[in-house]
Protein backbone atom coordinates (compact mmCIF):
# COMPACT_ATOMS: atom_id res chain seq x y z
CA UNK A 1 0.00 0.00 0.00
CA UNK A 2 2.77 2.42 0.86
CA UNK A 3 4.69 1.70 -2.35
CA UNK A 4 1.52 2.11 -4.44
CA UNK A 5 1.03 5.47 -2.74
CA UNK A 6 4.42 6.62 -4.06
CA UNK A 7 6.87 5.65 -1.30
CA UNK A 8 10.01 3.61 -1.91
CA UNK A 9 10.73 0.24 -0.31
CA UNK A 10 14.22 1.03 0.91
CA UNK A 11 14.84 -2.47 2.22
CA UNK A 12 16.11 -3.08 -1.31
CA UNK A 13 19.65 -1.67 -1.41
CA UNK A 14 19.34 -1.13 -5.15
CA UNK A 15 16.18 0.95 -4.69
CA UNK A 16 17.80 2.82 -1.80
CA UNK A 17 20.85 3.71 -3.87
CA UNK A 18 18.68 4.88 -6.76
CA UNK A 19 16.60 7.05 -4.42
CA UNK A 20 19.65 8.70 -2.85
CA UNK A 21 21.74 9.22 -5.98
CA UNK A 22 19.05 11.36 -7.58
CA UNK A 23 19.93 14.28 -5.28
CA UNK A 24 23.36 13.38 -3.92
CA UNK A 25 25.16 12.77 -7.22
CA UNK A 26 23.23 14.40 -10.04
CA UNK A 27 23.56 18.15 -10.52
CA UNK A 28 22.20 19.87 -13.62
CA UNK A 29 24.92 21.13 -15.96
CA UNK A 30 23.63 24.71 -15.78
CA UNK A 31 23.96 24.65 -12.00
CA UNK A 32 27.53 23.34 -12.19
CA UNK A 33 28.42 26.11 -14.67
CA UNK A 34 26.88 28.64 -12.30
CA UNK A 35 29.26 27.52 -9.55
CA UNK A 36 27.45 24.70 -7.74
CA UNK A 37 30.13 22.40 -6.30
CA UNK A 38 30.43 18.90 -7.70
CA UNK A 39 28.89 16.23 -5.47
CA UNK A 40 30.51 12.96 -4.43
CA UNK A 41 28.04 10.17 -3.69
CA UNK A 42 29.09 7.31 -1.40
CA UNK A 43 26.13 5.45 0.06
CA UNK A 44 27.76 3.66 3.00
CA UNK A 45 29.49 6.52 4.83
CA UNK A 46 26.74 8.99 3.98
CA UNK A 47 24.14 6.60 5.41
CA UNK A 48 26.16 6.30 8.62
CA UNK A 49 26.63 10.07 8.90
CA UNK A 50 22.90 10.71 8.42
CA UNK A 51 22.77 8.55 10.68
CA UNK A 52 20.97 5.26 10.19
CA UNK A 53 17.85 4.86 12.31
CA UNK A 54 17.91 1.08 12.16
CA UNK A 55 20.24 -1.67 13.32
CA UNK A 56 22.34 -3.60 10.84
CA UNK A 57 24.46 -6.36 12.36
CA UNK A 58 25.64 -7.89 9.08
CA UNK A 59 29.39 -7.24 8.78
CA UNK A 60 29.09 -7.30 4.99
CA UNK A 61 26.41 -4.60 4.81
CA UNK A 62 28.88 -1.73 4.73
CA UNK A 63 30.87 -3.13 1.81
CA UNK A 64 27.63 -4.09 0.05
CA UNK A 65 26.25 -0.58 0.47
CA UNK A 66 29.49 0.99 -0.73
CA UNK A 67 29.67 -1.18 -3.85
CA UNK A 68 26.03 -0.71 -4.82
CA UNK A 69 26.26 3.03 -4.33
CA UNK A 70 29.40 3.39 -6.41
CA UNK A 71 27.93 1.27 -9.22
CA UNK A 72 24.79 3.45 -9.28
CA UNK A 73 26.97 6.58 -9.24
CA UNK A 74 28.88 5.25 -12.26
CA UNK A 75 25.67 4.49 -14.13
CA UNK A 76 24.39 8.02 -13.53
CA UNK A 77 27.60 9.82 -14.45
CA UNK A 78 28.03 7.69 -17.57
CA UNK A 79 24.47 8.55 -18.58
CA UNK A 80 25.06 12.27 -18.08
CA UNK A 81 28.37 12.11 -19.95
CA UNK A 82 26.51 10.51 -22.88
CA UNK A 83 23.36 12.62 -22.95
CA UNK A 84 24.18 16.11 -21.64
CA UNK A 85 24.61 18.58 -24.49
CA UNK A 86 27.69 19.99 -22.79
CA UNK A 87 28.73 17.43 -20.21
CA UNK A 88 30.80 18.89 -17.39
CA UNK A 89 34.40 17.82 -16.91
CA UNK A 90 33.38 16.54 -13.47
CA UNK A 91 30.90 14.14 -15.06
CA UNK A 92 33.46 12.85 -17.54
CA UNK A 93 36.25 12.43 -15.02
CA UNK A 94 34.01 10.84 -12.39
CA UNK A 95 32.83 8.28 -14.94
CA UNK A 96 36.38 7.33 -15.87
CA UNK A 97 37.56 7.21 -12.25
CA UNK A 98 34.67 5.00 -11.15
CA UNK A 99 35.13 2.71 -14.16
CA UNK A 100 38.81 2.31 -13.25
CA UNK A 101 37.98 1.55 -9.62
CA UNK A 102 35.13 -0.88 -10.24
CA UNK A 103 37.04 -2.68 -12.98
CA UNK A 104 39.64 -3.56 -10.34
CA UNK A 105 37.01 -4.58 -7.80
CA UNK A 106 35.13 -6.84 -10.21
CA UNK A 107 38.37 -8.42 -11.39
CA UNK A 108 39.34 -9.18 -7.79
CA UNK A 109 35.98 -10.92 -7.18
CA UNK A 110 35.00 -13.16 -10.10
CA UNK A 111 31.48 -13.58 -8.69
CA UNK A 112 30.56 -9.95 -9.41
CA UNK A 113 29.20 -8.68 -12.76
CA UNK A 114 32.13 -7.17 -14.62
CA UNK A 115 32.86 -3.51 -15.24
CA UNK A 116 35.47 -2.65 -17.85
CA UNK A 117 37.29 0.61 -18.45
CA UNK A 118 35.86 2.08 -21.68
CA UNK A 119 37.99 1.52 -24.77
CA UNK A 120 36.25 4.36 -26.65
CA UNK A 121 34.20 7.47 -26.01
CA UNK A 122 30.98 5.43 -26.17
CA UNK A 123 29.89 5.03 -22.56
CA UNK A 124 26.60 3.22 -23.20
CA UNK A 125 28.12 -0.24 -22.53
CA UNK A 126 29.64 1.12 -19.31
CA UNK A 127 26.26 2.45 -18.23
CA UNK A 128 24.71 -1.00 -18.66
CA UNK A 129 27.59 -2.75 -16.90
CA UNK A 130 27.28 -0.38 -13.96
CA UNK A 131 23.56 -1.07 -13.57
CA UNK A 132 24.20 -4.83 -13.70
CA UNK A 133 26.82 -4.44 -10.99
CA UNK A 134 24.46 -2.33 -8.85
CA UNK A 135 21.79 -5.02 -9.05
CA UNK A 136 24.30 -7.76 -8.24
CA UNK A 137 26.01 -5.68 -5.57
CA UNK A 138 22.74 -5.25 -3.67
CA UNK A 139 22.86 -8.99 -2.88
CA UNK A 140 26.65 -9.30 -2.62
CA UNK A 141 27.78 -11.44 0.29
CA UNK A 142 31.58 -11.35 0.24
CA UNK A 143 33.71 -13.40 2.58
CA UNK A 144 36.32 -11.81 4.82
CA UNK A 145 38.98 -13.14 2.46
CA UNK A 146 37.27 -11.57 -0.54
CA UNK A 147 36.97 -8.15 1.09
CA UNK A 148 40.59 -8.39 2.22
CA UNK A 149 41.71 -9.30 -1.28
CA UNK A 150 39.85 -6.34 -2.78
CA UNK A 151 41.27 -3.98 -0.16
CA UNK A 152 44.81 -5.17 -0.85
CA UNK A 153 44.27 -4.94 -4.62
CA UNK A 154 43.15 -1.32 -4.34
CA UNK A 155 45.93 -0.43 -1.90
CA UNK A 156 48.38 -1.90 -4.40
CA UNK A 157 47.64 0.71 -7.06
CA UNK A 158 50.29 3.13 -5.77
CA UNK A 159 52.40 2.77 -8.93
CA UNK A 160 49.50 4.08 -11.01
CA UNK A 161 49.71 7.46 -9.25
CA UNK A 162 53.33 8.13 -10.07
CA UNK A 163 53.82 11.14 -12.38
CA UNK A 164 55.56 9.16 -15.12
CA UNK A 165 52.46 7.13 -15.92
CA UNK A 166 51.32 9.74 -18.45
CA UNK A 167 47.89 10.48 -16.98
CA UNK A 168 46.69 14.00 -16.29
CA UNK A 169 46.72 15.47 -12.81
CA UNK A 170 42.93 15.87 -13.00
CA UNK A 171 42.41 12.22 -13.92
CA UNK A 172 44.60 11.06 -11.04
CA UNK A 173 42.82 13.37 -8.60
CA UNK A 174 39.40 11.91 -9.45
CA UNK A 175 40.79 8.40 -9.10
CA UNK A 176 42.28 9.32 -5.73
CA UNK A 177 38.93 10.58 -4.43
CA UNK A 178 37.04 7.40 -5.29
CA UNK A 179 39.91 5.15 -4.22
CA UNK A 180 40.20 6.79 -0.81
CA UNK A 181 36.46 6.35 -0.20
CA UNK A 182 36.74 2.69 -1.18
CA UNK A 183 39.69 2.05 1.13
CA UNK A 184 37.90 3.71 4.05
CA UNK A 185 34.71 1.70 3.64
CA UNK A 186 36.43 -1.65 3.12
CA UNK A 187 38.72 -1.04 6.09
CA UNK A 188 35.65 -0.22 8.18
CA UNK A 189 33.88 -3.40 7.04
CA UNK A 190 36.92 -5.41 8.09
CA UNK A 191 37.28 -3.59 11.43
CA UNK A 192 40.71 -2.34 10.36
CA UNK A 193 40.01 1.39 10.60
CA UNK A 194 41.82 1.95 13.93
CA UNK A 195 44.89 0.13 12.66
CA UNK A 196 45.23 2.24 9.50
CA UNK A 197 43.59 5.52 10.56
CA UNK A 198 46.87 7.47 10.29
CA UNK A 199 47.42 6.26 6.72
CA UNK A 200 43.80 6.89 5.72
CA UNK A 201 43.96 10.39 7.21
CA UNK A 202 47.02 11.14 5.06
CA UNK A 203 45.14 10.02 1.94
CA UNK A 204 42.11 12.15 2.86
CA UNK A 205 44.34 15.18 3.27
CA UNK A 206 46.01 14.54 -0.09
CA UNK A 207 42.76 14.66 -2.03
CA UNK A 208 41.04 17.53 -0.24
CA UNK A 209 42.16 20.21 -2.68
CA UNK A 210 41.87 19.66 -6.42
CA UNK A 211 44.14 22.57 -7.34
CA UNK A 212 47.26 21.33 -5.55
CA UNK A 213 46.84 17.56 -5.66
CA UNK A 214 50.26 15.89 -5.44
CA UNK A 215 50.02 12.48 -7.11
CA UNK A 216 53.52 11.48 -6.04
CA UNK A 217 52.72 12.19 -2.39
CA UNK A 218 49.44 10.30 -2.67
CA UNK A 219 51.37 7.35 -4.12
CA UNK A 220 53.74 7.39 -1.13
CA UNK A 221 50.88 7.47 1.35
CA UNK A 222 49.12 4.69 -0.50
CA UNK A 223 52.27 2.60 -0.34
CA UNK A 224 52.43 3.21 3.43
CA UNK A 225 48.85 1.97 3.77
CA UNK A 226 49.64 -1.13 1.73
CA UNK A 227 52.62 -1.98 3.94
CA UNK A 228 50.47 -1.52 7.07
CA UNK A 229 47.91 -3.99 5.71
C-alpha atoms as a PDB file:
ATOM      1  CA  UNK A   1       0.000   0.000   0.000  1.00  0.00           C
ATOM      2  CA  UNK A   2       2.768   2.420   0.861  1.00  0.00           C
ATOM      3  CA  UNK A   3       4.688   1.698  -2.352  1.00  0.00           C
ATOM      4  CA  UNK A   4       1.519   2.107  -4.437  1.00  0.00           C
ATOM      5  CA  UNK A   5       1.031   5.473  -2.745  1.00  0.00           C
ATOM      6  CA  UNK A   6       4.424   6.621  -4.058  1.00  0.00           C
ATOM      7  CA  UNK A   7       6.871   5.650  -1.300  1.00  0.00           C
ATOM      8  CA  UNK A   8      10.012   3.605  -1.911  1.00  0.00           C
ATOM      9  CA  UNK A   9      10.726   0.242  -0.306  1.00  0.00           C
ATOM     10  CA  UNK A  10      14.222   1.025   0.915  1.00  0.00           C
ATOM     11  CA  UNK A  11      14.845  -2.474   2.220  1.00  0.00           C
ATOM     12  CA  UNK A  12      16.114  -3.084  -1.310  1.00  0.00           C
ATOM     13  CA  UNK A  13      19.651  -1.669  -1.407  1.00  0.00           C
ATOM     14  CA  UNK A  14      19.341  -1.128  -5.148  1.00  0.00           C
ATOM     15  CA  UNK A  15      16.180   0.951  -4.689  1.00  0.00           C
ATOM     16  CA  UNK A  16      17.802   2.819  -1.801  1.00  0.00           C
ATOM     17  CA  UNK A  17      20.854   3.712  -3.875  1.00  0.00           C
ATOM     18  CA  UNK A  18      18.680   4.880  -6.761  1.00  0.00           C
ATOM     19  CA  UNK A  19      16.604   7.054  -4.423  1.00  0.00           C
ATOM     20  CA  UNK A  20      19.652   8.703  -2.847  1.00  0.00           C
ATOM     21  CA  UNK A  21      21.741   9.217  -5.975  1.00  0.00           C
ATOM     22  CA  UNK A  22      19.048  11.365  -7.575  1.00  0.00           C
ATOM     23  CA  UNK A  23      19.929  14.283  -5.276  1.00  0.00           C
ATOM     24  CA  UNK A  24      23.358  13.376  -3.919  1.00  0.00           C
ATOM     25  CA  UNK A  25      25.160  12.768  -7.219  1.00  0.00           C
ATOM     26  CA  UNK A  26      23.232  14.403 -10.041  1.00  0.00           C
ATOM     27  CA  UNK A  27      23.556  18.153 -10.517  1.00  0.00           C
ATOM     28  CA  UNK A  28      22.199  19.869 -13.619  1.00  0.00           C
ATOM     29  CA  UNK A  29      24.917  21.132 -15.965  1.00  0.00           C
ATOM     30  CA  UNK A  30      23.628  24.711 -15.777  1.00  0.00           C
ATOM     31  CA  UNK A  31      23.963  24.655 -11.995  1.00  0.00           C
ATOM     32  CA  UNK A  32      27.533  23.343 -12.192  1.00  0.00           C
ATOM     33  CA  UNK A  33      28.425  26.113 -14.668  1.00  0.00           C
ATOM     34  CA  UNK A  34      26.879  28.644 -12.297  1.00  0.00           C
ATOM     35  CA  UNK A  35      29.262  27.524  -9.553  1.00  0.00           C
ATOM     36  CA  UNK A  36      27.447  24.702  -7.743  1.00  0.00           C
ATOM     37  CA  UNK A  37      30.134  22.404  -6.301  1.00  0.00           C
ATOM     38  CA  UNK A  38      30.431  18.901  -7.700  1.00  0.00           C
ATOM     39  CA  UNK A  39      28.892  16.228  -5.468  1.00  0.00           C
ATOM     40  CA  UNK A  40      30.515  12.961  -4.426  1.00  0.00           C
ATOM     41  CA  UNK A  41      28.042  10.171  -3.691  1.00  0.00           C
ATOM     42  CA  UNK A  42      29.086   7.314  -1.401  1.00  0.00           C
ATOM     43  CA  UNK A  43      26.129   5.446   0.057  1.00  0.00           C
ATOM     44  CA  UNK A  44      27.764   3.663   2.995  1.00  0.00           C
ATOM     45  CA  UNK A  45      29.487   6.518   4.830  1.00  0.00           C
ATOM     46  CA  UNK A  46      26.735   8.990   3.982  1.00  0.00           C
ATOM     47  CA  UNK A  47      24.136   6.600   5.411  1.00  0.00           C
ATOM     48  CA  UNK A  48      26.159   6.302   8.623  1.00  0.00           C
ATOM     49  CA  UNK A  49      26.632  10.074   8.904  1.00  0.00           C
ATOM     50  CA  UNK A  50      22.898  10.713   8.424  1.00  0.00           C
ATOM     51  CA  UNK A  51      22.765   8.555  10.684  1.00  0.00           C
ATOM     52  CA  UNK A  52      20.968   5.256  10.185  1.00  0.00           C
ATOM     53  CA  UNK A  53      17.850   4.858  12.313  1.00  0.00           C
ATOM     54  CA  UNK A  54      17.909   1.079  12.158  1.00  0.00           C
ATOM     55  CA  UNK A  55      20.244  -1.665  13.323  1.00  0.00           C
ATOM     56  CA  UNK A  56      22.340  -3.598  10.841  1.00  0.00           C
ATOM     57  CA  UNK A  57      24.456  -6.358  12.355  1.00  0.00           C
ATOM     58  CA  UNK A  58      25.640  -7.889   9.078  1.00  0.00           C
ATOM     59  CA  UNK A  59      29.388  -7.237   8.781  1.00  0.00           C
ATOM     60  CA  UNK A  60      29.086  -7.300   4.991  1.00  0.00           C
ATOM     61  CA  UNK A  61      26.406  -4.603   4.814  1.00  0.00           C
ATOM     62  CA  UNK A  62      28.881  -1.731   4.726  1.00  0.00           C
ATOM     63  CA  UNK A  63      30.874  -3.133   1.814  1.00  0.00           C
ATOM     64  CA  UNK A  64      27.635  -4.086   0.050  1.00  0.00           C
ATOM     65  CA  UNK A  65      26.245  -0.579   0.471  1.00  0.00           C
ATOM     66  CA  UNK A  66      29.491   0.995  -0.733  1.00  0.00           C
ATOM     67  CA  UNK A  67      29.674  -1.181  -3.853  1.00  0.00           C
ATOM     68  CA  UNK A  68      26.026  -0.711  -4.816  1.00  0.00           C
ATOM     69  CA  UNK A  69      26.256   3.025  -4.328  1.00  0.00           C
ATOM     70  CA  UNK A  70      29.402   3.386  -6.412  1.00  0.00           C
ATOM     71  CA  UNK A  71      27.926   1.274  -9.219  1.00  0.00           C
ATOM     72  CA  UNK A  72      24.793   3.450  -9.282  1.00  0.00           C
ATOM     73  CA  UNK A  73      26.969   6.575  -9.236  1.00  0.00           C
ATOM     74  CA  UNK A  74      28.881   5.251 -12.258  1.00  0.00           C
ATOM     75  CA  UNK A  75      25.674   4.492 -14.128  1.00  0.00           C
ATOM     76  CA  UNK A  76      24.386   8.018 -13.530  1.00  0.00           C
ATOM     77  CA  UNK A  77      27.598   9.825 -14.452  1.00  0.00           C
ATOM     78  CA  UNK A  78      28.032   7.689 -17.572  1.00  0.00           C
ATOM     79  CA  UNK A  79      24.466   8.546 -18.580  1.00  0.00           C
ATOM     80  CA  UNK A  80      25.058  12.274 -18.082  1.00  0.00           C
ATOM     81  CA  UNK A  81      28.366  12.107 -19.952  1.00  0.00           C
ATOM     82  CA  UNK A  82      26.512  10.514 -22.879  1.00  0.00           C
ATOM     83  CA  UNK A  83      23.356  12.615 -22.955  1.00  0.00           C
ATOM     84  CA  UNK A  84      24.180  16.105 -21.642  1.00  0.00           C
ATOM     85  CA  UNK A  85      24.608  18.579 -24.489  1.00  0.00           C
ATOM     86  CA  UNK A  86      27.689  19.989 -22.793  1.00  0.00           C
ATOM     87  CA  UNK A  87      28.730  17.428 -20.211  1.00  0.00           C
ATOM     88  CA  UNK A  88      30.801  18.891 -17.386  1.00  0.00           C
ATOM     89  CA  UNK A  89      34.397  17.820 -16.913  1.00  0.00           C
ATOM     90  CA  UNK A  90      33.384  16.539 -13.473  1.00  0.00           C
ATOM     91  CA  UNK A  91      30.898  14.136 -15.061  1.00  0.00           C
ATOM     92  CA  UNK A  92      33.462  12.847 -17.544  1.00  0.00           C
ATOM     93  CA  UNK A  93      36.255  12.432 -15.019  1.00  0.00           C
ATOM     94  CA  UNK A  94      34.005  10.842 -12.386  1.00  0.00           C
ATOM     95  CA  UNK A  95      32.827   8.278 -14.940  1.00  0.00           C
ATOM     96  CA  UNK A  96      36.376   7.332 -15.869  1.00  0.00           C
ATOM     97  CA  UNK A  97      37.556   7.209 -12.250  1.00  0.00           C
ATOM     98  CA  UNK A  98      34.670   4.996 -11.147  1.00  0.00           C
ATOM     99  CA  UNK A  99      35.129   2.715 -14.158  1.00  0.00           C
ATOM    100  CA  UNK A 100      38.810   2.315 -13.245  1.00  0.00           C
ATOM    101  CA  UNK A 101      37.983   1.552  -9.617  1.00  0.00           C
ATOM    102  CA  UNK A 102      35.128  -0.879 -10.243  1.00  0.00           C
ATOM    103  CA  UNK A 103      37.045  -2.683 -12.976  1.00  0.00           C
ATOM    104  CA  UNK A 104      39.645  -3.561 -10.340  1.00  0.00           C
ATOM    105  CA  UNK A 105      37.006  -4.585  -7.802  1.00  0.00           C
ATOM    106  CA  UNK A 106      35.126  -6.839 -10.214  1.00  0.00           C
ATOM    107  CA  UNK A 107      38.365  -8.418 -11.390  1.00  0.00           C
ATOM    108  CA  UNK A 108      39.338  -9.184  -7.791  1.00  0.00           C
ATOM    109  CA  UNK A 109      35.975 -10.925  -7.185  1.00  0.00           C
ATOM    110  CA  UNK A 110      34.998 -13.157 -10.101  1.00  0.00           C
ATOM    111  CA  UNK A 111      31.481 -13.577  -8.691  1.00  0.00           C
ATOM    112  CA  UNK A 112      30.564  -9.948  -9.414  1.00  0.00           C
ATOM    113  CA  UNK A 113      29.200  -8.677 -12.758  1.00  0.00           C
ATOM    114  CA  UNK A 114      32.132  -7.174 -14.617  1.00  0.00           C
ATOM    115  CA  UNK A 115      32.860  -3.507 -15.244  1.00  0.00           C
ATOM    116  CA  UNK A 116      35.473  -2.652 -17.855  1.00  0.00           C
ATOM    117  CA  UNK A 117      37.288   0.608 -18.452  1.00  0.00           C
ATOM    118  CA  UNK A 118      35.859   2.075 -21.680  1.00  0.00           C
ATOM    119  CA  UNK A 119      37.986   1.515 -24.765  1.00  0.00           C
ATOM    120  CA  UNK A 120      36.253   4.355 -26.650  1.00  0.00           C
ATOM    121  CA  UNK A 121      34.196   7.465 -26.007  1.00  0.00           C
ATOM    122  CA  UNK A 122      30.981   5.427 -26.171  1.00  0.00           C
ATOM    123  CA  UNK A 123      29.888   5.034 -22.558  1.00  0.00           C
ATOM    124  CA  UNK A 124      26.597   3.224 -23.200  1.00  0.00           C
ATOM    125  CA  UNK A 125      28.117  -0.237 -22.526  1.00  0.00           C
ATOM    126  CA  UNK A 126      29.638   1.122 -19.313  1.00  0.00           C
ATOM    127  CA  UNK A 127      26.256   2.451 -18.230  1.00  0.00           C
ATOM    128  CA  UNK A 128      24.713  -0.999 -18.661  1.00  0.00           C
ATOM    129  CA  UNK A 129      27.593  -2.749 -16.902  1.00  0.00           C
ATOM    130  CA  UNK A 130      27.279  -0.375 -13.957  1.00  0.00           C
ATOM    131  CA  UNK A 131      23.562  -1.073 -13.565  1.00  0.00           C
ATOM    132  CA  UNK A 132      24.202  -4.831 -13.702  1.00  0.00           C
ATOM    133  CA  UNK A 133      26.817  -4.440 -10.989  1.00  0.00           C
ATOM    134  CA  UNK A 134      24.464  -2.335  -8.851  1.00  0.00           C
ATOM    135  CA  UNK A 135      21.790  -5.019  -9.049  1.00  0.00           C
ATOM    136  CA  UNK A 136      24.300  -7.758  -8.244  1.00  0.00           C
ATOM    137  CA  UNK A 137      26.009  -5.684  -5.569  1.00  0.00           C
ATOM    138  CA  UNK A 138      22.744  -5.254  -3.666  1.00  0.00           C
ATOM    139  CA  UNK A 139      22.863  -8.985  -2.883  1.00  0.00           C
ATOM    140  CA  UNK A 140      26.648  -9.299  -2.619  1.00  0.00           C
ATOM    141  CA  UNK A 141      27.783 -11.437   0.287  1.00  0.00           C
ATOM    142  CA  UNK A 142      31.583 -11.351   0.238  1.00  0.00           C
ATOM    143  CA  UNK A 143      33.710 -13.405   2.581  1.00  0.00           C
ATOM    144  CA  UNK A 144      36.320 -11.809   4.822  1.00  0.00           C
ATOM    145  CA  UNK A 145      38.982 -13.140   2.461  1.00  0.00           C
ATOM    146  CA  UNK A 146      37.269 -11.570  -0.539  1.00  0.00           C
ATOM    147  CA  UNK A 147      36.969  -8.150   1.092  1.00  0.00           C
ATOM    148  CA  UNK A 148      40.587  -8.387   2.223  1.00  0.00           C
ATOM    149  CA  UNK A 149      41.711  -9.300  -1.284  1.00  0.00           C
ATOM    150  CA  UNK A 150      39.854  -6.337  -2.784  1.00  0.00           C
ATOM    151  CA  UNK A 151      41.273  -3.979  -0.155  1.00  0.00           C
ATOM    152  CA  UNK A 152      44.809  -5.168  -0.851  1.00  0.00           C
ATOM    153  CA  UNK A 153      44.269  -4.937  -4.621  1.00  0.00           C
ATOM    154  CA  UNK A 154      43.149  -1.324  -4.337  1.00  0.00           C
ATOM    155  CA  UNK A 155      45.928  -0.428  -1.898  1.00  0.00           C
ATOM    156  CA  UNK A 156      48.384  -1.899  -4.402  1.00  0.00           C
ATOM    157  CA  UNK A 157      47.638   0.714  -7.064  1.00  0.00           C
ATOM    158  CA  UNK A 158      50.289   3.129  -5.772  1.00  0.00           C
ATOM    159  CA  UNK A 159      52.403   2.766  -8.932  1.00  0.00           C
ATOM    160  CA  UNK A 160      49.501   4.083 -11.013  1.00  0.00           C
ATOM    161  CA  UNK A 161      49.705   7.457  -9.253  1.00  0.00           C
ATOM    162  CA  UNK A 162      53.328   8.130 -10.070  1.00  0.00           C
ATOM    163  CA  UNK A 163      53.822  11.136 -12.377  1.00  0.00           C
ATOM    164  CA  UNK A 164      55.565   9.160 -15.122  1.00  0.00           C
ATOM    165  CA  UNK A 165      52.455   7.127 -15.916  1.00  0.00           C
ATOM    166  CA  UNK A 166      51.321   9.736 -18.447  1.00  0.00           C
ATOM    167  CA  UNK A 167      47.893  10.484 -16.982  1.00  0.00           C
ATOM    168  CA  UNK A 168      46.687  13.997 -16.289  1.00  0.00           C
ATOM    169  CA  UNK A 169      46.720  15.466 -12.806  1.00  0.00           C
ATOM    170  CA  UNK A 170      42.934  15.869 -13.000  1.00  0.00           C
ATOM    171  CA  UNK A 171      42.408  12.223 -13.919  1.00  0.00           C
ATOM    172  CA  UNK A 172      44.596  11.060 -11.037  1.00  0.00           C
ATOM    173  CA  UNK A 173      42.815  13.365  -8.601  1.00  0.00           C
ATOM    174  CA  UNK A 174      39.401  11.909  -9.449  1.00  0.00           C
ATOM    175  CA  UNK A 175      40.792   8.399  -9.102  1.00  0.00           C
ATOM    176  CA  UNK A 176      42.280   9.322  -5.725  1.00  0.00           C
ATOM    177  CA  UNK A 177      38.929  10.579  -4.427  1.00  0.00           C
ATOM    178  CA  UNK A 178      37.045   7.397  -5.293  1.00  0.00           C
ATOM    179  CA  UNK A 179      39.907   5.152  -4.220  1.00  0.00           C
ATOM    180  CA  UNK A 180      40.198   6.785  -0.806  1.00  0.00           C
ATOM    181  CA  UNK A 181      36.458   6.353  -0.200  1.00  0.00           C
ATOM    182  CA  UNK A 182      36.736   2.688  -1.176  1.00  0.00           C
ATOM    183  CA  UNK A 183      39.692   2.053   1.131  1.00  0.00           C
ATOM    184  CA  UNK A 184      37.898   3.709   4.048  1.00  0.00           C
ATOM    185  CA  UNK A 185      34.708   1.702   3.641  1.00  0.00           C
ATOM    186  CA  UNK A 186      36.429  -1.646   3.121  1.00  0.00           C
ATOM    187  CA  UNK A 187      38.715  -1.036   6.091  1.00  0.00           C
ATOM    188  CA  UNK A 188      35.645  -0.223   8.183  1.00  0.00           C
ATOM    189  CA  UNK A 189      33.876  -3.399   7.035  1.00  0.00           C
ATOM    190  CA  UNK A 190      36.919  -5.413   8.090  1.00  0.00           C
ATOM    191  CA  UNK A 191      37.279  -3.590  11.429  1.00  0.00           C
ATOM    192  CA  UNK A 192      40.706  -2.341  10.356  1.00  0.00           C
ATOM    193  CA  UNK A 193      40.009   1.392  10.596  1.00  0.00           C
ATOM    194  CA  UNK A 194      41.815   1.954  13.928  1.00  0.00           C
ATOM    195  CA  UNK A 195      44.893   0.134  12.658  1.00  0.00           C
ATOM    196  CA  UNK A 196      45.231   2.243   9.495  1.00  0.00           C
ATOM    197  CA  UNK A 197      43.594   5.523  10.561  1.00  0.00           C
ATOM    198  CA  UNK A 198      46.869   7.467  10.290  1.00  0.00           C
ATOM    199  CA  UNK A 199      47.423   6.257   6.724  1.00  0.00           C
ATOM    200  CA  UNK A 200      43.801   6.895   5.719  1.00  0.00           C
ATOM    201  CA  UNK A 201      43.960  10.392   7.207  1.00  0.00           C
ATOM    202  CA  UNK A 202      47.015  11.142   5.058  1.00  0.00           C
ATOM    203  CA  UNK A 203      45.143  10.020   1.936  1.00  0.00           C
ATOM    204  CA  UNK A 204      42.112  12.146   2.858  1.00  0.00           C
ATOM    205  CA  UNK A 205      44.344  15.177   3.273  1.00  0.00           C
ATOM    206  CA  UNK A 206      46.014  14.542  -0.087  1.00  0.00           C
ATOM    207  CA  UNK A 207      42.761  14.657  -2.028  1.00  0.00           C
ATOM    208  CA  UNK A 208      41.035  17.529  -0.238  1.00  0.00           C
ATOM    209  CA  UNK A 209      42.157  20.211  -2.684  1.00  0.00           C
ATOM    210  CA  UNK A 210      41.868  19.660  -6.416  1.00  0.00           C
ATOM    211  CA  UNK A 211      44.137  22.570  -7.340  1.00  0.00           C
ATOM    212  CA  UNK A 212      47.257  21.331  -5.547  1.00  0.00           C
ATOM    213  CA  UNK A 213      46.843  17.557  -5.659  1.00  0.00           C
ATOM    214  CA  UNK A 214      50.257  15.892  -5.444  1.00  0.00           C
ATOM    215  CA  UNK A 215      50.015  12.480  -7.114  1.00  0.00           C
ATOM    216  CA  UNK A 216      53.524  11.483  -6.039  1.00  0.00           C
ATOM    217  CA  UNK A 217      52.722  12.188  -2.388  1.00  0.00           C
ATOM    218  CA  UNK A 218      49.443  10.302  -2.674  1.00  0.00           C
ATOM    219  CA  UNK A 219      51.369   7.354  -4.117  1.00  0.00           C
ATOM    220  CA  UNK A 220      53.738   7.388  -1.132  1.00  0.00           C
ATOM    221  CA  UNK A 221      50.881   7.472   1.349  1.00  0.00           C
ATOM    222  CA  UNK A 222      49.117   4.686  -0.504  1.00  0.00           C
ATOM    223  CA  UNK A 223      52.270   2.595  -0.336  1.00  0.00           C
ATOM    224  CA  UNK A 224      52.433   3.209   3.429  1.00  0.00           C
ATOM    225  CA  UNK A 225      48.855   1.966   3.771  1.00  0.00           C
ATOM    226  CA  UNK A 226      49.643  -1.131   1.732  1.00  0.00           C
ATOM    227  CA  UNK A 227      52.615  -1.985   3.940  1.00  0.00           C
ATOM    228  CA  UNK A 228      50.470  -1.522   7.067  1.00  0.00           C
ATOM    229  CA  UNK A 229      47.910  -3.985   5.711  1.00  0.00           C
END
